[in-house]
PDB file of N, CA and C in Angstrom:
ATOM      1  N   UNK A   1      -6.561  30.522 -14.934  1.00  0.00           N
ATOM      2  CA  UNK A   1      -6.235  29.788 -15.879  1.00  0.00           C
ATOM      3  C   UNK A   1      -8.042  29.109 -16.557  1.00  0.00           C
ATOM      4  N   UNK A   2      -7.732  30.016 -17.825  1.00  0.00           N
ATOM      5  CA  UNK A   2      -9.218  29.905 -18.385  1.00  0.00           C
ATOM      6  C   UNK A   2      -9.007  28.882 -19.931  1.00  0.00           C
ATOM      7  N   UNK A   3     -10.176  28.126 -19.477  1.00  0.00           N
ATOM      8  CA  UNK A   3      -9.953  26.891 -20.990  1.00  0.00           C
ATOM      9  C   UNK A   3     -11.186  27.012 -21.577  1.00  0.00           C
ATOM     10  N   UNK A   4     -11.228  26.972 -22.742  1.00  0.00           N
ATOM     11  CA  UNK A   4     -12.306  27.415 -23.646  1.00  0.00           C
ATOM     12  C   UNK A   4     -13.570  25.976 -23.342  1.00  0.00           C
ATOM     13  N   UNK A   5     -14.451  26.929 -23.493  1.00  0.00           N
ATOM     14  CA  UNK A   5     -15.958  26.049 -23.062  1.00  0.00           C
ATOM     15  C   UNK A   5     -15.749  24.606 -24.095  1.00  0.00           C
ATOM     16  N   UNK A   6     -15.828  23.403 -23.164  1.00  0.00           N
ATOM     17  CA  UNK A   6     -15.984  21.918 -23.916  1.00  0.00           C
ATOM     18  C   UNK A   6     -14.297  21.335 -23.340  1.00  0.00           C
ATOM     19  N   UNK A   7     -13.464  22.090 -23.172  1.00  0.00           N
ATOM     20  CA  UNK A   7     -11.856  21.246 -23.274  1.00  0.00           C
ATOM     21  C   UNK A   7     -12.095  20.706 -21.334  1.00  0.00           C
ATOM     22  N   UNK A   8     -11.618  19.269 -21.644  1.00  0.00           N
ATOM     23  CA  UNK A   8     -11.695  19.073 -20.447  1.00  0.00           C
ATOM     24  C   UNK A   8      -9.689  19.434 -20.237  1.00  0.00           C
ATOM     25  N   UNK A   9      -9.879  19.495 -18.301  1.00  0.00           N
ATOM     26  CA  UNK A   9      -7.807  19.606 -18.001  1.00  0.00           C
ATOM     27  C   UNK A   9      -8.272  18.693 -16.929  1.00  0.00           C
ATOM     28  N   UNK A  10      -7.031  17.863 -17.301  1.00  0.00           N
ATOM     29  CA  UNK A  10      -6.907  16.815 -16.112  1.00  0.00           C
ATOM     30  C   UNK A  10      -5.685  17.102 -15.410  1.00  0.00           C
ATOM     31  N   UNK A  11      -5.564  16.952 -14.628  1.00  0.00           N
ATOM     32  CA  UNK A  11      -4.069  16.858 -13.166  1.00  0.00           C
ATOM     33  C   UNK A  11      -3.123  16.087 -12.610  1.00  0.00           C
ATOM     34  N   UNK A  12      -2.193  15.922 -12.878  1.00  0.00           N
ATOM     35  CA  UNK A  12      -1.461  14.796 -12.966  1.00  0.00           C
ATOM     36  C   UNK A  12      -1.260  14.961 -11.368  1.00  0.00           C
ATOM     37  N   UNK A  13      -1.698  14.196 -10.244  1.00  0.00           N
ATOM     38  CA  UNK A  13      -1.351  13.295  -8.934  1.00  0.00           C
ATOM     39  C   UNK A  13       0.185  13.065  -8.093  1.00  0.00           C
ATOM     40  N   UNK A  14       0.292  12.557  -9.223  1.00  0.00           N
ATOM     41  CA  UNK A  14       2.047  11.460  -8.883  1.00  0.00           C
ATOM     42  C   UNK A  14       3.236  11.998  -9.945  1.00  0.00           C
ATOM     43  N   UNK A  15       4.268  12.191  -9.375  1.00  0.00           N
ATOM     44  CA  UNK A  15       5.154  12.580 -10.190  1.00  0.00           C
ATOM     45  C   UNK A  15       4.853  12.555 -11.653  1.00  0.00           C
ATOM     46  N   UNK A  16       5.656  13.205 -12.319  1.00  0.00           N
ATOM     47  CA  UNK A  16       6.032  12.906 -13.818  1.00  0.00           C
ATOM     48  C   UNK A  16       7.053  12.419 -14.125  1.00  0.00           C
ATOM     49  N   UNK A  17       8.222  11.915 -15.249  1.00  0.00           N
ATOM     50  CA  UNK A  17       9.604  11.655 -15.316  1.00  0.00           C
ATOM     51  C   UNK A  17       9.415  12.438 -16.702  1.00  0.00           C
ATOM     52  N   UNK A  18       9.344  13.565 -16.562  1.00  0.00           N
ATOM     53  CA  UNK A  18       9.493  14.911 -18.048  1.00  0.00           C
ATOM     54  C   UNK A  18      10.989  14.133 -18.933  1.00  0.00           C
ATOM     55  N   UNK A  19      11.670  13.724 -18.089  1.00  0.00           N
ATOM     56  CA  UNK A  19      13.167  13.563 -19.218  1.00  0.00           C
ATOM     57  C   UNK A  19      12.764  12.703 -20.003  1.00  0.00           C
ATOM     58  N   UNK A  20      11.608  12.211 -20.600  1.00  0.00           N
ATOM     59  CA  UNK A  20      11.205  11.305 -21.591  1.00  0.00           C
ATOM     60  C   UNK A  20      10.704  11.542 -22.296  1.00  0.00           C
ATOM     61  N   UNK A  21      10.301  12.971 -22.623  1.00  0.00           N
ATOM     62  CA  UNK A  21      10.427  13.633 -23.218  1.00  0.00           C
ATOM     63  C   UNK A  21       8.345  13.411 -23.405  1.00  0.00           C
ATOM     64  N   UNK A  22       8.455  13.949 -24.522  1.00  0.00           N
ATOM     65  CA  UNK A  22       6.518  14.088 -24.944  1.00  0.00           C
ATOM     66  C   UNK A  22       5.960  12.862 -25.081  1.00  0.00           C
ATOM     67  N   UNK A  23       6.909  12.268 -25.835  1.00  0.00           N
ATOM     68  CA  UNK A  23       6.769  10.815 -26.378  1.00  0.00           C
ATOM     69  C   UNK A  23       6.410  10.000 -25.026  1.00  0.00           C
ATOM     70  N   UNK A  24       6.989  10.510 -24.078  1.00  0.00           N
ATOM     71  CA  UNK A  24       7.188   9.505 -22.959  1.00  0.00           C
ATOM     72  C   UNK A  24       5.970  10.248 -21.772  1.00  0.00           C
ATOM     73  N   UNK A  25       5.696  10.918 -21.952  1.00  0.00           N
ATOM     74  CA  UNK A  25       4.549  12.028 -21.409  1.00  0.00           C
ATOM     75  C   UNK A  25       3.076  11.245 -22.354  1.00  0.00           C
ATOM     76  N   UNK A  26       3.512  11.119 -23.140  1.00  0.00           N
ATOM     77  CA  UNK A  26       2.032  10.775 -24.287  1.00  0.00           C
ATOM     78  C   UNK A  26       1.900   9.424 -23.654  1.00  0.00           C
ATOM     79  N   UNK A  27       2.937   8.368 -23.314  1.00  0.00           N
ATOM     80  CA  UNK A  27       2.802   6.719 -23.302  1.00  0.00           C
ATOM     81  C   UNK A  27       1.707   6.550 -21.780  1.00  0.00           C
ATOM     82  N   UNK A  28       2.372   7.502 -20.866  1.00  0.00           N
ATOM     83  CA  UNK A  28       1.819   7.367 -19.791  1.00  0.00           C
ATOM     84  C   UNK A  28       0.404   7.775 -19.533  1.00  0.00           C
ATOM     85  N   UNK A  29       0.137   8.835 -20.538  1.00  0.00           N
ATOM     86  CA  UNK A  29      -1.489   9.241 -20.484  1.00  0.00           C
ATOM     87  C   UNK A  29      -2.181   8.234 -21.026  1.00  0.00           C
ATOM     88  N   UNK A  30      -1.854   8.003 -21.995  1.00  0.00           N
ATOM     89  CA  UNK A  30      -2.924   6.653 -22.911  1.00  0.00           C
ATOM     90  C   UNK A  30      -2.858   5.455 -21.899  1.00  0.00           C
ATOM     91  N   UNK A  31      -1.768   5.209 -21.238  1.00  0.00           N
ATOM     92  CA  UNK A  31      -1.529   4.606 -20.116  1.00  0.00           C
ATOM     93  C   UNK A  31      -2.800   4.765 -18.754  1.00  0.00           C
ATOM     94  N   UNK A  32      -3.168   5.330 -17.830  1.00  0.00           N
ATOM     95  CA  UNK A  32      -3.418   5.988 -17.826  1.00  0.00           C
ATOM     96  C   UNK A  32      -4.911   6.083 -17.735  1.00  0.00           C
ATOM     97  N   UNK A  33      -5.125   6.413 -18.863  1.00  0.00           N
ATOM     98  CA  UNK A  33      -6.500   7.469 -18.817  1.00  0.00           C
ATOM     99  C   UNK A  33      -7.272   6.342 -19.878  1.00  0.00           C
ATOM    100  N   UNK A  34      -6.588   5.775 -20.790  1.00  0.00           N
ATOM    101  CA  UNK A  34      -6.643   4.471 -21.747  1.00  0.00           C
ATOM    102  C   UNK A  34      -7.678   5.814 -23.149  1.00  0.00           C
ATOM    103  N   UNK A  35      -7.118   6.450 -23.211  1.00  0.00           N
ATOM    104  CA  UNK A  35      -7.402   7.510 -24.110  1.00  0.00           C
ATOM    105  C   UNK A  35      -5.847   8.095 -24.577  1.00  0.00           C
ATOM    106  N   UNK A  36      -6.708   8.957 -25.990  1.00  0.00           N
ATOM    107  CA  UNK A  36      -5.745   9.783 -26.330  1.00  0.00           C
ATOM    108  C   UNK A  36      -5.330  10.847 -26.419  1.00  0.00           C
ATOM    109  N   UNK A  37      -4.430  11.428 -26.126  1.00  0.00           N
ATOM    110  CA  UNK A  37      -4.070  12.609 -24.951  1.00  0.00           C
ATOM    111  C   UNK A  37      -4.574  14.010 -26.293  1.00  0.00           C
ATOM    112  N   UNK A  38      -4.816  13.702 -27.443  1.00  0.00           N
ATOM    113  CA  UNK A  38      -4.687  14.683 -28.250  1.00  0.00           C
ATOM    114  C   UNK A  38      -6.340  14.891 -28.928  1.00  0.00           C
TER     115      UNK A  38
END
């Protein structure tokens, strides 16, 4: 996998419930990382 310079990639180490869709995943990222995922 190649990423453009300056791009940070985070990998989840716990299972993620994708049944919640993109909005659920976005909320999880905001809660865990205290950052905007976009």
